[in-house]
Every structure is written in C-alpha cells, then in structure tokens.
Amino acid sequence: MKKLCSLALLGLAFLGASAQSGTDNRPAYQRFPKVPPIKILQVDSATYFTRENLKKNLPVMIVVFNPECEHCQHETEELIKHIDEFRQIQIVMATPQSFGQMKSFYVRYGLDRFKNIAVGQDERFVLPSFFMIHNLPYLAFYDKKQDLISTHEGTMPVSEILDVFKQ
C-alpha cells in the first residue's frame, strides 16, 4: 500500500512538473508583440485614448512616465525640443499616477500643441504590468504595422530614439 501511495504521489509530482515546463514566462509585451490594449483617460476627463485611435501606417512610441520623475521631465523636454523630427511618429504618453498630476504635467509642457502626442492616465495600471517596468521613463517602440521593435528603460537620447525607427 505504501508503495502504491508513493508511486501515485510521484506520478502526480511528475505531471505537475511537466505541466509547468510548458509555461511561457516571458513578459506580456514579448508574448504579444503588438501595441498593447491602451486605454488612457485623457485630460478632458471624459474621453479615452485607445489603440483604435492610432493612425494606420505610422510608427508608435509609448512613453510610460511619472509626472514627478526628473528623468521623465527631461525626456519630455528633449522630445519637445526635437518635435519636428517626430512628426511622423505617434507618441502615447501614459502615467499610472493621479489624474491631477498627469493634467499638471500636460499643462506645464504645453502638450496640447502637438497633434502627434496623446497623454493620459493609465487608470487600470495595465502598462506597468504589461511591460514589467522597473525604471521610468519607459519607452516602447512599434513600427508602422504596430509590431514591437524594442523597449528601453530610463532616458534615451533623441538621436538614439530616432535611430530605432530607422531600422
């Protein structure tokens, strides 16, 4: 009887271990290399920007930021300085921080001036877990077919950002 129980437990352990070996532990953005299901509350507090709002045949850069992060502020300032070089790139800036912080950031940098920049609050905290973010700003680059090119954590020089889209 002990042998039968031991054999049964061993069999269950083996089945459990073999079931785990097929698990894909890669982050969601690697398993699903298309633009994620973005849904950010825009500054008007009434409308959402979603992936369906993205224009077809234009590359996309997603920037996950914290309005109080100095690195995020610096990256935004650099993007604004070189905005003419980003005219053919859709920029989606999303923050999981409070709506008030996001709105203040939006106003501070005058982001309403740029038609290719969408800014909003990621109310459901989808993007941090989708990308498994550890450092901000977080940049995700997608080609004109909305396929993932690459990602980057932390600030990145504008020249290097533009080079990503030239590949």
N, C-alpha and C. Protein backbone atom coordinates (compact mmCIF):
# COMPACT_ATOMS: atom_id res chain seq x y z
N MET A 1 0.82 -1.19 0.00
CA MET A 1 0.00 0.00 0.00
C MET A 1 0.86 1.25 0.00
N LYS A 2 1.96 1.23 0.83
CA LYS A 2 2.85 2.38 0.86
C LYS A 2 3.49 2.61 -0.50
N LYS A 3 3.84 1.52 -1.18
CA LYS A 3 4.45 1.64 -2.49
C LYS A 3 3.46 2.26 -3.48
N LEU A 4 2.22 1.85 -3.40
CA LEU A 4 1.19 2.36 -4.30
C LEU A 4 0.97 3.86 -4.06
N CYS A 5 0.89 4.28 -2.81
CA CYS A 5 0.72 5.70 -2.47
C CYS A 5 1.94 6.50 -2.93
N SER A 6 3.12 5.97 -2.67
CA SER A 6 4.35 6.66 -3.08
C SER A 6 4.42 6.80 -4.59
N LEU A 7 4.04 5.75 -5.29
CA LEU A 7 4.04 5.77 -6.75
C LEU A 7 3.02 6.79 -7.27
N ALA A 8 1.86 6.84 -6.64
CA ALA A 8 0.82 7.80 -7.04
C ALA A 8 1.30 9.23 -6.82
N LEU A 9 1.91 9.50 -5.67
CA LEU A 9 2.43 10.85 -5.38
C LEU A 9 3.54 11.23 -6.36
N LEU A 10 4.41 10.29 -6.66
CA LEU A 10 5.49 10.54 -7.61
C LEU A 10 4.92 10.86 -8.99
N GLY A 11 3.89 10.11 -9.37
CA GLY A 11 3.23 10.36 -10.66
C GLY A 11 2.60 11.74 -10.72
N LEU A 12 1.92 12.14 -9.64
CA LEU A 12 1.31 13.48 -9.59
C LEU A 12 2.37 14.57 -9.63
N ALA A 13 3.46 14.36 -8.93
CA ALA A 13 4.55 15.34 -8.93
C ALA A 13 5.13 15.48 -10.33
N PHE A 14 5.29 14.35 -11.01
CA PHE A 14 5.82 14.38 -12.37
C PHE A 14 4.87 15.12 -13.31
N LEU A 15 3.58 14.86 -13.20
CA LEU A 15 2.60 15.54 -14.04
C LEU A 15 2.60 17.04 -13.78
N GLY A 16 2.68 17.42 -12.52
CA GLY A 16 2.72 18.84 -12.17
C GLY A 16 3.97 19.51 -12.72
N ALA A 17 5.09 18.84 -12.62
CA ALA A 17 6.34 19.41 -13.13
C ALA A 17 6.32 19.51 -14.64
N SER A 18 5.78 18.53 -15.32
CA SER A 18 5.75 18.57 -16.78
C SER A 18 4.77 19.62 -17.27
N ALA A 19 3.69 19.85 -16.53
CA ALA A 19 2.73 20.89 -16.91
C ALA A 19 3.37 22.26 -16.79
N GLN A 20 4.24 22.47 -15.82
CA GLN A 20 4.91 23.75 -15.61
C GLN A 20 5.95 24.03 -16.67
N SER A 21 6.55 23.01 -17.24
CA SER A 21 7.64 23.22 -18.19
C SER A 21 7.17 23.89 -19.47
N GLY A 22 5.88 23.81 -19.79
CA GLY A 22 5.37 24.43 -21.00
C GLY A 22 4.94 25.88 -20.79
N THR A 23 5.07 26.38 -19.59
CA THR A 23 4.64 27.74 -19.28
C THR A 23 5.60 28.75 -19.90
N ASP A 24 5.04 29.74 -20.56
CA ASP A 24 5.85 30.79 -21.18
C ASP A 24 5.99 31.91 -20.15
N ASN A 25 7.17 32.08 -19.60
CA ASN A 25 7.40 33.07 -18.54
C ASN A 25 7.86 34.43 -19.06
N ARG A 26 7.86 34.59 -20.36
CA ARG A 26 8.27 35.89 -20.91
C ARG A 26 7.22 36.95 -20.56
N PRO A 27 7.66 38.21 -20.45
CA PRO A 27 6.70 39.29 -20.18
C PRO A 27 5.65 39.37 -21.30
N ALA A 28 4.50 39.92 -20.99
CA ALA A 28 3.40 40.01 -21.96
C ALA A 28 3.81 40.72 -23.24
N TYR A 29 4.62 41.79 -23.15
CA TYR A 29 4.98 42.52 -24.35
C TYR A 29 5.81 41.68 -25.31
N GLN A 30 6.50 40.66 -24.81
CA GLN A 30 7.26 39.77 -25.69
C GLN A 30 6.38 38.66 -26.26
N ARG A 31 5.41 38.22 -25.48
CA ARG A 31 4.50 37.19 -25.97
C ARG A 31 3.47 37.76 -26.94
N PHE A 32 3.12 39.02 -26.77
CA PHE A 32 2.15 39.69 -27.62
C PHE A 32 2.80 40.96 -28.17
N PRO A 33 3.62 40.84 -29.22
CA PRO A 33 4.45 41.96 -29.69
C PRO A 33 3.74 43.01 -30.54
N LYS A 34 2.48 43.21 -30.31
CA LYS A 34 1.72 44.29 -30.95
C LYS A 34 1.49 45.38 -29.92
N VAL A 35 1.04 46.55 -30.37
CA VAL A 35 0.70 47.63 -29.44
C VAL A 35 -0.30 47.08 -28.42
N PRO A 36 -0.03 47.28 -27.13
CA PRO A 36 -0.92 46.72 -26.09
C PRO A 36 -2.29 47.39 -26.07
N PRO A 37 -3.21 46.83 -25.33
CA PRO A 37 -4.56 47.39 -25.24
C PRO A 37 -4.57 48.67 -24.39
N ILE A 38 -4.11 49.74 -25.00
CA ILE A 38 -4.03 51.04 -24.32
C ILE A 38 -5.44 51.57 -24.08
N LYS A 39 -5.65 52.09 -22.89
CA LYS A 39 -6.89 52.80 -22.58
C LYS A 39 -6.52 53.82 -21.50
N ILE A 40 -6.23 55.03 -21.97
CA ILE A 40 -5.81 56.08 -21.03
C ILE A 40 -6.83 57.20 -21.00
N LEU A 41 -7.13 57.66 -19.80
CA LEU A 41 -8.07 58.76 -19.61
C LEU A 41 -7.39 60.06 -19.97
N GLN A 42 -7.96 60.76 -20.94
CA GLN A 42 -7.34 61.99 -21.43
C GLN A 42 -7.63 63.17 -20.52
N VAL A 43 -6.96 64.27 -20.80
CA VAL A 43 -7.01 65.46 -19.96
C VAL A 43 -8.42 66.02 -19.79
N ASP A 44 -9.29 65.81 -20.75
CA ASP A 44 -10.66 66.33 -20.61
C ASP A 44 -11.47 65.54 -19.58
N SER A 45 -10.92 64.45 -19.07
CA SER A 45 -11.52 63.57 -18.06
C SER A 45 -12.81 62.89 -18.51
N ALA A 46 -13.09 62.96 -19.80
CA ALA A 46 -14.32 62.35 -20.31
C ALA A 46 -14.06 61.33 -21.41
N THR A 47 -12.94 61.45 -22.11
CA THR A 47 -12.66 60.55 -23.22
C THR A 47 -11.40 59.74 -22.97
N TYR A 48 -11.37 58.60 -23.62
CA TYR A 48 -10.22 57.71 -23.52
C TYR A 48 -9.50 57.64 -24.85
N PHE A 49 -8.19 57.54 -24.78
CA PHE A 49 -7.39 57.26 -25.97
C PHE A 49 -7.10 55.77 -25.92
N THR A 50 -7.41 55.08 -27.02
CA THR A 50 -7.19 53.64 -27.09
C THR A 50 -6.34 53.31 -28.31
N ARG A 51 -5.95 52.07 -28.40
CA ARG A 51 -5.13 51.64 -29.54
C ARG A 51 -5.89 51.86 -30.85
N GLU A 52 -7.21 51.84 -30.81
CA GLU A 52 -8.01 52.07 -32.02
C GLU A 52 -7.88 53.51 -32.52
N ASN A 53 -7.43 54.43 -31.66
CA ASN A 53 -7.24 55.82 -32.06
C ASN A 53 -5.93 56.04 -32.82
N LEU A 54 -5.06 55.06 -32.81
CA LEU A 54 -3.78 55.20 -33.50
C LEU A 54 -4.00 55.22 -35.01
N LYS A 55 -3.26 56.08 -35.69
CA LYS A 55 -3.35 56.15 -37.14
C LYS A 55 -2.63 54.96 -37.74
N LYS A 56 -3.18 54.47 -38.82
CA LYS A 56 -2.58 53.34 -39.53
C LYS A 56 -1.31 53.81 -40.26
N ASN A 57 -0.37 52.93 -40.41
CA ASN A 57 0.86 53.14 -41.18
C ASN A 57 1.77 54.22 -40.62
N LEU A 58 1.69 54.48 -39.33
CA LEU A 58 2.63 55.37 -38.67
C LEU A 58 3.22 54.64 -37.47
N PRO A 59 4.53 54.78 -37.26
CA PRO A 59 5.13 54.15 -36.08
C PRO A 59 4.61 54.77 -34.79
N VAL A 60 4.78 54.01 -33.70
CA VAL A 60 4.26 54.43 -32.39
C VAL A 60 5.36 54.33 -31.35
N MET A 61 5.41 55.34 -30.49
CA MET A 61 6.29 55.29 -29.33
C MET A 61 5.41 55.47 -28.09
N ILE A 62 5.44 54.48 -27.21
CA ILE A 62 4.72 54.58 -25.95
C ILE A 62 5.72 55.00 -24.89
N VAL A 63 5.36 56.04 -24.14
CA VAL A 63 6.20 56.54 -23.05
C VAL A 63 5.40 56.40 -21.76
N VAL A 64 5.87 55.54 -20.87
CA VAL A 64 5.24 55.43 -19.56
C VAL A 64 6.09 56.30 -18.62
N PHE A 65 5.43 57.21 -17.93
CA PHE A 65 6.16 58.21 -17.15
C PHE A 65 5.49 58.49 -15.81
N ASN A 66 6.25 59.15 -14.96
CA ASN A 66 5.74 59.66 -13.70
C ASN A 66 5.93 61.18 -13.78
N PRO A 67 4.87 61.96 -13.64
CA PRO A 67 5.00 63.42 -13.77
C PRO A 67 6.02 64.05 -12.82
N GLU A 68 6.30 63.40 -11.69
CA GLU A 68 7.25 63.97 -10.72
C GLU A 68 8.68 63.46 -10.92
N CYS A 69 8.88 62.57 -11.87
CA CYS A 69 10.20 61.99 -12.14
C CYS A 69 11.04 62.95 -12.97
N GLU A 70 12.21 63.32 -12.46
CA GLU A 70 13.08 64.26 -13.17
C GLU A 70 13.54 63.70 -14.51
N HIS A 71 13.80 62.41 -14.57
CA HIS A 71 14.23 61.79 -15.83
C HIS A 71 13.10 61.86 -16.87
N CYS A 72 11.88 61.66 -16.41
CA CYS A 72 10.71 61.74 -17.29
C CYS A 72 10.52 63.17 -17.79
N GLN A 73 10.71 64.13 -16.92
CA GLN A 73 10.61 65.53 -17.30
C GLN A 73 11.66 65.89 -18.33
N HIS A 74 12.89 65.43 -18.10
CA HIS A 74 13.98 65.70 -19.04
C HIS A 74 13.69 65.06 -20.40
N GLU A 75 13.22 63.82 -20.41
CA GLU A 75 12.90 63.15 -21.68
C GLU A 75 11.83 63.92 -22.44
N THR A 76 10.83 64.40 -21.72
CA THR A 76 9.75 65.18 -22.34
C THR A 76 10.29 66.48 -22.92
N GLU A 77 11.14 67.16 -22.18
CA GLU A 77 11.74 68.41 -22.68
C GLU A 77 12.52 68.16 -23.96
N GLU A 78 13.27 67.06 -24.01
CA GLU A 78 14.06 66.73 -25.20
C GLU A 78 13.15 66.41 -26.39
N LEU A 79 12.07 65.68 -26.13
CA LEU A 79 11.13 65.37 -27.21
C LEU A 79 10.53 66.65 -27.78
N ILE A 80 10.16 67.57 -26.90
CA ILE A 80 9.57 68.83 -27.35
C ILE A 80 10.57 69.65 -28.17
N LYS A 81 11.83 69.70 -27.72
CA LYS A 81 12.87 70.44 -28.46
C LYS A 81 13.04 69.91 -29.87
N HIS A 82 12.84 68.61 -30.05
CA HIS A 82 13.07 67.97 -31.35
C HIS A 82 11.77 67.47 -31.97
N ILE A 83 10.66 68.08 -31.62
CA ILE A 83 9.35 67.58 -32.04
C ILE A 83 9.22 67.49 -33.56
N ASP A 84 9.87 68.38 -34.30
CA ASP A 84 9.77 68.33 -35.76
C ASP A 84 10.29 67.00 -36.31
N GLU A 85 11.24 66.40 -35.63
CA GLU A 85 11.80 65.12 -36.08
C GLU A 85 10.87 63.95 -35.74
N PHE A 86 9.84 64.23 -34.95
CA PHE A 86 8.89 63.18 -34.53
C PHE A 86 7.53 63.34 -35.19
N ARG A 87 7.42 64.21 -36.18
CA ARG A 87 6.12 64.49 -36.81
C ARG A 87 5.45 63.24 -37.37
N GLN A 88 6.22 62.27 -37.85
CA GLN A 88 5.66 61.06 -38.43
C GLN A 88 5.66 59.89 -37.45
N ILE A 89 5.76 60.19 -36.16
CA ILE A 89 5.73 59.17 -35.11
C ILE A 89 4.63 59.54 -34.13
N GLN A 90 3.76 58.59 -33.85
CA GLN A 90 2.71 58.81 -32.87
C GLN A 90 3.30 58.55 -31.49
N ILE A 91 3.13 59.49 -30.59
CA ILE A 91 3.66 59.37 -29.24
C ILE A 91 2.49 59.26 -28.27
N VAL A 92 2.48 58.19 -27.50
CA VAL A 92 1.45 57.98 -26.48
C VAL A 92 2.15 58.04 -25.13
N MET A 93 1.80 59.04 -24.34
CA MET A 93 2.40 59.22 -23.02
C MET A 93 1.35 58.83 -21.97
N ALA A 94 1.69 57.82 -21.18
CA ALA A 94 0.75 57.31 -20.19
C ALA A 94 1.40 57.27 -18.82
N THR A 95 0.62 57.63 -17.81
CA THR A 95 1.11 57.55 -16.43
C THR A 95 0.10 56.83 -15.56
N PRO A 96 0.58 55.99 -14.66
CA PRO A 96 -0.34 55.38 -13.70
C PRO A 96 -0.58 56.28 -12.48
N GLN A 97 0.08 57.44 -12.45
CA GLN A 97 -0.08 58.36 -11.33
C GLN A 97 -1.44 59.04 -11.38
N SER A 98 -1.72 59.91 -10.44
CA SER A 98 -3.05 60.52 -10.33
C SER A 98 -3.39 61.39 -11.54
N PHE A 99 -4.69 61.53 -11.75
CA PHE A 99 -5.18 62.35 -12.85
C PHE A 99 -4.68 63.78 -12.72
N GLY A 100 -4.71 64.33 -11.50
CA GLY A 100 -4.26 65.71 -11.27
C GLY A 100 -2.80 65.89 -11.63
N GLN A 101 -1.95 64.94 -11.27
CA GLN A 101 -0.53 65.02 -11.61
C GLN A 101 -0.34 64.97 -13.12
N MET A 102 -1.08 64.09 -13.77
CA MET A 102 -0.99 63.97 -15.23
C MET A 102 -1.41 65.26 -15.90
N LYS A 103 -2.51 65.84 -15.44
CA LYS A 103 -3.02 67.06 -16.05
C LYS A 103 -2.05 68.23 -15.85
N SER A 104 -1.46 68.34 -14.68
CA SER A 104 -0.48 69.40 -14.41
C SER A 104 0.74 69.26 -15.33
N PHE A 105 1.19 68.02 -15.53
CA PHE A 105 2.32 67.74 -16.42
C PHE A 105 1.96 68.15 -17.85
N TYR A 106 0.77 67.80 -18.28
CA TYR A 106 0.27 68.13 -19.62
C TYR A 106 0.26 69.64 -19.85
N VAL A 107 -0.23 70.37 -18.86
CA VAL A 107 -0.30 71.83 -18.97
C VAL A 107 1.10 72.43 -18.90
N ARG A 108 1.91 71.97 -17.96
CA ARG A 108 3.27 72.50 -17.77
C ARG A 108 4.08 72.47 -19.06
N TYR A 109 3.97 71.36 -19.81
CA TYR A 109 4.76 71.21 -21.04
C TYR A 109 3.99 71.61 -22.29
N GLY A 110 2.78 72.09 -22.14
CA GLY A 110 2.00 72.54 -23.29
C GLY A 110 1.81 71.44 -24.33
N LEU A 111 1.54 70.25 -23.86
CA LEU A 111 1.47 69.11 -24.77
C LEU A 111 0.25 69.15 -25.70
N ASP A 112 -0.69 70.04 -25.41
CA ASP A 112 -1.83 70.21 -26.30
C ASP A 112 -1.43 70.78 -27.65
N ARG A 113 -0.23 71.35 -27.76
CA ARG A 113 0.27 71.94 -29.02
C ARG A 113 0.64 70.90 -30.06
N PHE A 114 0.77 69.65 -29.66
CA PHE A 114 1.32 68.64 -30.54
C PHE A 114 0.27 67.58 -30.90
N LYS A 115 -0.12 67.56 -32.17
CA LYS A 115 -1.17 66.64 -32.62
C LYS A 115 -0.75 65.18 -32.58
N ASN A 116 0.56 64.93 -32.59
CA ASN A 116 1.02 63.54 -32.61
C ASN A 116 1.30 62.99 -31.21
N ILE A 117 0.97 63.77 -30.17
CA ILE A 117 1.16 63.31 -28.80
C ILE A 117 -0.19 63.17 -28.09
N ALA A 118 -0.43 61.97 -27.58
CA ALA A 118 -1.62 61.72 -26.75
C ALA A 118 -1.13 61.48 -25.34
N VAL A 119 -1.77 62.12 -24.38
CA VAL A 119 -1.36 61.99 -22.97
C VAL A 119 -2.57 61.57 -22.15
N GLY A 120 -2.33 60.66 -21.20
CA GLY A 120 -3.44 60.24 -20.37
C GLY A 120 -3.01 59.41 -19.18
N GLN A 121 -3.99 59.16 -18.33
CA GLN A 121 -3.77 58.37 -17.12
C GLN A 121 -4.15 56.91 -17.38
N ASP A 122 -3.22 56.03 -17.08
CA ASP A 122 -3.46 54.59 -17.16
C ASP A 122 -4.13 54.18 -15.85
N GLU A 123 -5.43 54.41 -15.77
CA GLU A 123 -6.19 54.18 -14.53
C GLU A 123 -6.12 52.74 -14.03
N ARG A 124 -6.04 51.80 -14.94
CA ARG A 124 -6.08 50.39 -14.56
C ARG A 124 -4.68 49.79 -14.39
N PHE A 125 -3.64 50.61 -14.49
CA PHE A 125 -2.25 50.16 -14.32
C PHE A 125 -1.91 48.99 -15.25
N VAL A 126 -2.41 49.05 -16.47
CA VAL A 126 -2.18 47.97 -17.43
C VAL A 126 -0.74 47.98 -17.95
N LEU A 127 -0.24 49.14 -18.31
CA LEU A 127 1.06 49.21 -18.97
C LEU A 127 2.23 48.79 -18.07
N PRO A 128 2.28 49.20 -16.79
CA PRO A 128 3.41 48.74 -15.97
C PRO A 128 3.52 47.23 -15.87
N SER A 129 2.40 46.54 -15.77
CA SER A 129 2.48 45.08 -15.68
C SER A 129 2.69 44.45 -17.05
N PHE A 130 2.12 45.03 -18.10
CA PHE A 130 2.30 44.50 -19.45
C PHE A 130 3.78 44.51 -19.84
N PHE A 131 4.46 45.63 -19.53
CA PHE A 131 5.87 45.77 -19.89
C PHE A 131 6.83 45.32 -18.78
N MET A 132 6.30 44.99 -17.61
CA MET A 132 7.13 44.63 -16.45
C MET A 132 8.18 45.73 -16.20
N ILE A 133 7.69 46.93 -16.00
CA ILE A 133 8.52 48.12 -15.87
C ILE A 133 9.21 48.18 -14.51
N HIS A 134 10.49 48.52 -14.55
CA HIS A 134 11.28 48.70 -13.33
C HIS A 134 11.78 50.14 -13.18
N ASN A 135 12.01 50.82 -14.31
CA ASN A 135 12.55 52.19 -14.29
C ASN A 135 11.77 53.07 -15.26
N LEU A 136 11.68 54.34 -14.90
CA LEU A 136 11.00 55.32 -15.74
C LEU A 136 11.98 56.39 -16.18
N PRO A 137 11.73 57.02 -17.32
CA PRO A 137 10.66 56.72 -18.25
C PRO A 137 10.89 55.37 -18.92
N TYR A 138 9.80 54.81 -19.40
CA TYR A 138 9.87 53.53 -20.12
C TYR A 138 9.41 53.82 -21.53
N LEU A 139 10.20 53.39 -22.50
CA LEU A 139 9.89 53.65 -23.90
C LEU A 139 9.68 52.33 -24.63
N ALA A 140 8.60 52.24 -25.39
CA ALA A 140 8.33 51.07 -26.22
C ALA A 140 8.14 51.56 -27.65
N PHE A 141 8.83 50.93 -28.58
CA PHE A 141 8.84 51.36 -29.97
C PHE A 141 8.16 50.33 -30.86
N TYR A 142 7.24 50.81 -31.71
CA TYR A 142 6.49 49.95 -32.62
C TYR A 142 6.61 50.51 -34.04
N ASP A 143 6.72 49.62 -35.01
CA ASP A 143 6.83 50.06 -36.40
C ASP A 143 5.45 50.46 -36.94
N LYS A 144 5.40 50.80 -38.22
CA LYS A 144 4.14 51.29 -38.79
C LYS A 144 3.06 50.21 -38.90
N LYS A 145 3.45 48.94 -38.72
CA LYS A 145 2.47 47.84 -38.68
C LYS A 145 2.07 47.54 -37.23
N GLN A 146 2.57 48.37 -36.32
CA GLN A 146 2.31 48.24 -34.88
C GLN A 146 2.91 46.97 -34.28
N ASP A 147 4.04 46.53 -34.88
CA ASP A 147 4.81 45.42 -34.34
C ASP A 147 5.94 45.98 -33.48
N LEU A 148 6.22 45.31 -32.38
CA LEU A 148 7.26 45.76 -31.46
C LEU A 148 8.63 45.77 -32.14
N ILE A 149 9.36 46.87 -31.98
CA ILE A 149 10.74 46.96 -32.44
C ILE A 149 11.65 46.68 -31.25
N SER A 150 11.47 47.48 -30.18
CA SER A 150 12.28 47.29 -28.97
C SER A 150 11.68 48.12 -27.84
N THR A 151 12.29 47.97 -26.65
CA THR A 151 11.89 48.75 -25.49
C THR A 151 13.15 49.29 -24.82
N HIS A 152 12.95 50.28 -23.96
CA HIS A 152 14.09 50.88 -23.25
C HIS A 152 13.59 51.44 -21.92
N GLU A 153 14.35 51.18 -20.85
CA GLU A 153 14.03 51.75 -19.55
C GLU A 153 15.02 52.86 -19.24
N GLY A 154 14.52 54.01 -18.81
CA GLY A 154 15.37 55.16 -18.50
C GLY A 154 15.41 56.14 -19.67
N THR A 155 16.10 57.25 -19.45
CA THR A 155 16.18 58.25 -20.51
C THR A 155 16.99 57.71 -21.68
N MET A 156 16.70 58.28 -22.84
CA MET A 156 17.37 57.85 -24.06
C MET A 156 17.56 59.08 -24.93
N PRO A 157 18.76 59.30 -25.45
CA PRO A 157 18.98 60.46 -26.31
C PRO A 157 18.05 60.43 -27.54
N VAL A 158 17.61 61.59 -27.95
CA VAL A 158 16.70 61.71 -29.09
C VAL A 158 17.29 61.04 -30.33
N SER A 159 18.58 61.22 -30.55
CA SER A 159 19.21 60.62 -31.73
C SER A 159 19.06 59.10 -31.73
N GLU A 160 19.20 58.49 -30.56
CA GLU A 160 19.06 57.03 -30.45
C GLU A 160 17.61 56.60 -30.64
N ILE A 161 16.68 57.41 -30.14
CA ILE A 161 15.25 57.11 -30.34
C ILE A 161 14.95 57.10 -31.83
N LEU A 162 15.39 58.12 -32.52
CA LEU A 162 15.13 58.22 -33.97
C LEU A 162 15.80 57.08 -34.72
N ASP A 163 16.97 56.66 -34.28
CA ASP A 163 17.66 55.54 -34.91
C ASP A 163 16.85 54.25 -34.80
N VAL A 164 16.15 54.07 -33.70
CA VAL A 164 15.33 52.87 -33.52
C VAL A 164 14.31 52.77 -34.64
N PHE A 165 13.72 53.88 -35.01
CA PHE A 165 12.68 53.88 -36.05
C PHE A 165 13.25 53.76 -37.46
N LYS A 166 14.54 53.97 -37.63
CA LYS A 166 15.18 53.85 -38.94
C LYS A 166 15.53 52.42 -39.28
N GLN A 167 15.50 51.54 -38.31
CA GLN A 167 15.89 50.14 -38.54
C GLN A 167 14.96 49.44 -39.49
